Amino acid sequence: MRSALGLMLASVVAAIVIAGVWFWTSSPRADAAPPQTTAAAKAEPLPAAAAKQAAKDDVETTAALSKRADASQPAAPAAAPAAAPAPVAAAPRCANPDALGITRTVVVDTTGGPGFGFLQYKQYDFLTDHEVVLTFDDGPWPTTPAVLKALADECTKAVFFPIGLHTTYHPDILRQVAAAGHTIGAHTWSHAHLASKKLTEQQAKDEIEKGFSAVKLALGSNPAPFFRFPALAHTPATTAYLGTRNIAMFSVDVDSNDFKSKSSDEVINNVMTKLDKEHKGIILMHDLQKHTAQALPTLLRKLKAGGYKVVWMKAKTQIETLPEYDAMMAKTEKPIATGRPIGNVVQTVAE
């Protein structure tokens, strides 16, 4: 009896084992299923805060990176690591290890026509001790390239206030100023004295606007809304007008008096003597003065030796010149000479 019961129990156990093996081997298992070829899941959008951070981190987006992100390419799985952006070419380094350089760059919001330079405008005291701004008036002129070279040798930047009429004489030189990366404003059309009683308000306005349009014509782009009055001569009407045009006015803290200096040494002495008193400020020079061009390499070295640091001023936005003055200036543009080489036109026959 016991043998029969044991045999029956063994048969039941064997049947259960066989059924289990069959079920295990014949049923599909999620973890043992063969891999299927399917489209990658669409990446979930970043939360708002994370998206803002990503946008901030990806300021320098290269063309190659944009191409990889094209919608025609399969989307990468969400878990895949982000591709590193292609390297961006670094700005050229200064070749002079002991250069004066630029300590800081300031961007000016010219809304309302702010004034700079404590000789006349005492609104914004943004320079700290031993900080200077380099500025040049009255170019472009054949002496300007020498000024540009001196600045480039010291890896520093300045603000230029060209005369409109001079830009029609030497537009190529003004383009050299722009190519060197300096800030370019305007200094009227003909260096007229805008506080003169002989000028009407309309004539003063014409001088201002023609100057900016002439600079634009030479550059092929709008200049900065920076303006300096010839002889620093302003009137309530002209300052109010610049305010309506959102043009910043520049005066001076340290005048080089280079226009009446008799040598480069005198220019250097004028600047350094006044800086010893003021300790900082906007320096006024003229790039059409030969003594200034000659003095500048030594002057910049003396600024460096004296612990002075250059602050470069840029504009937040460029000026929008007025169409009627642009059209007026376009009529003054000189035609570009084309034709035979000069040797075929003018020949020396006797000396």
Foldseek 3Di string as FASTA:
>chain_A
DVVVVVVVVVVVVVVVVVVVVVCVVPDDDPVPDDDDDDAADDADDDPPVVVVVVCVVPVPADPVNVVVVDPVDGDDHNPDDDDDHDDDDDDDDQPDPLALAFPAEDADQLALAAEFAPVPHDDDPPDDFQEEAEEAEADDDPLQVLVLVLCSNRNYEHEYAYALCRCLVPLVSLLVNVVSPYAYEYAFHHLDQLQDPVDDLVNSVLRRQLRQLSNCVSNVHGGALEYEYRVNHDDPSVSNVSSVQSHYYYDWHQELPLVPDPALVSSLCSRVVSCVVVRYMYYYHHSNRNSCSVNSNVSSVVSSVVVHHYYGYHYPDGGDRDPVSNVVSVVVRDDDDDDDDVCVVDPDDDD
